[in-house]
């Protein structure tokens, strides 16, 4: 069994690698969309924005923060099964 420190370092490296791969995939997808003349939707400064291939932008809607009705504490266990 691996010591905890080494295991934590490996998990951190895996997360960093996954994050890097996702970032690169996102960049490639954006380039492909622009090359094909497709638009993309993204969140920018609290608004959903539609960005077109020519560089123009259109605001779709403003996002509002919603306060959760459920208060969770650190270590809470969540059940993700659907109720029958």
Protein backbone atom coordinates (compact mmCIF):
# COMPACT_ATOMS: atom_id res chain seq x y z
CA UNK A 1 0.00 0.00 0.00
CA UNK A 2 1.27 3.48 -0.91
CA UNK A 3 1.88 6.09 1.75
CA UNK A 4 -0.85 8.74 1.98
CA UNK A 5 1.41 11.60 0.84
CA UNK A 6 2.40 9.81 -2.37
CA UNK A 7 -1.22 8.85 -3.04
CA UNK A 8 -2.36 12.47 -2.54
CA UNK A 9 0.39 13.72 -4.87
CA UNK A 10 -0.69 11.24 -7.56
CA UNK A 11 -4.32 12.35 -7.21
CA UNK A 12 -3.27 15.99 -7.55
CA UNK A 13 -1.20 15.20 -10.64
CA UNK A 14 -4.14 13.30 -12.16
CA UNK A 15 -6.48 16.26 -11.53
CA UNK A 16 -4.00 18.70 -13.02
CA UNK A 17 -3.55 16.48 -16.09
CA UNK A 18 -7.31 16.13 -16.54
CA UNK A 19 -7.75 19.90 -16.18
CA UNK A 20 -5.06 20.53 -18.80
CA UNK A 21 -6.62 18.05 -21.24
CA UNK A 22 -10.08 19.62 -20.78
CA UNK A 23 -8.67 23.14 -21.31
CA UNK A 24 -6.90 22.08 -24.52
CA UNK A 25 -10.02 20.28 -25.81
CA UNK A 26 -12.07 23.40 -25.17
CA UNK A 27 -9.60 25.57 -27.12
CA UNK A 28 -9.65 23.15 -30.06
CA UNK A 29 -13.47 23.00 -30.05
CA UNK A 30 -13.69 26.82 -30.06
CA UNK A 31 -11.28 27.04 -33.00
CA UNK A 32 -13.24 24.42 -34.94
CA UNK A 33 -16.54 26.21 -34.28
CA UNK A 34 -15.11 29.53 -35.51
CA UNK A 35 -13.67 27.84 -38.62
CA UNK A 36 -17.07 26.29 -39.39
CA UNK A 37 -18.88 29.57 -38.75
CA UNK A 38 -20.76 28.20 -35.74
CA UNK A 39 -21.63 30.19 -32.63
CA UNK A 40 -20.85 29.25 -29.03
CA UNK A 41 -22.59 30.07 -25.78
CA UNK A 42 -20.66 30.97 -22.65
CA UNK A 43 -21.08 32.62 -19.28
CA UNK A 44 -19.35 35.97 -18.96
CA UNK A 45 -19.75 38.44 -16.08
CA UNK A 46 -23.03 36.89 -14.91
CA UNK A 47 -24.64 36.80 -18.38
CA UNK A 48 -25.18 33.99 -20.90
CA UNK A 49 -23.53 35.27 -24.07
CA UNK A 50 -23.78 33.95 -27.62
CA UNK A 51 -20.51 34.56 -29.46
CA UNK A 52 -20.57 34.39 -33.26
CA UNK A 53 -17.76 33.39 -35.62
CA UNK A 54 -17.33 37.00 -36.81
CA UNK A 55 -16.55 38.09 -33.23
CA UNK A 56 -19.88 39.75 -32.48
CA UNK A 57 -21.72 38.95 -29.25
CA UNK A 58 -25.35 38.79 -28.19
CA UNK A 59 -26.58 38.70 -24.61
CA UNK A 60 -29.10 35.91 -24.10
CA UNK A 61 -29.97 36.37 -20.43
CA UNK A 62 -28.73 37.57 -17.07
CA UNK A 63 -28.02 34.90 -14.50
CA UNK A 64 -29.40 35.37 -11.02
CA UNK A 65 -27.89 33.89 -7.90
CA UNK A 66 -30.30 31.61 -6.09
CA UNK A 67 -29.88 30.84 -2.42
CA UNK A 68 -30.08 27.15 -1.67
CA UNK A 69 -32.99 25.97 0.45
CA UNK A 70 -30.81 23.17 1.82
CA UNK A 71 -28.02 23.82 4.26
CA UNK A 72 -25.20 21.30 4.18
CA UNK A 73 -22.32 20.96 6.56
CA UNK A 74 -18.89 19.61 5.77
CA UNK A 75 -19.00 15.82 5.78
CA UNK A 76 -22.73 15.56 4.97
CA UNK A 77 -23.72 12.41 3.10
CA UNK A 78 -25.97 12.84 0.06
CA UNK A 79 -28.27 10.18 -1.33
CA UNK A 80 -28.56 10.46 -5.10
CA UNK A 81 -31.23 7.79 -5.63
CA UNK A 82 -34.56 8.89 -7.06
CA UNK A 83 -37.56 8.62 -4.82
CA UNK A 84 -40.06 6.03 -6.01
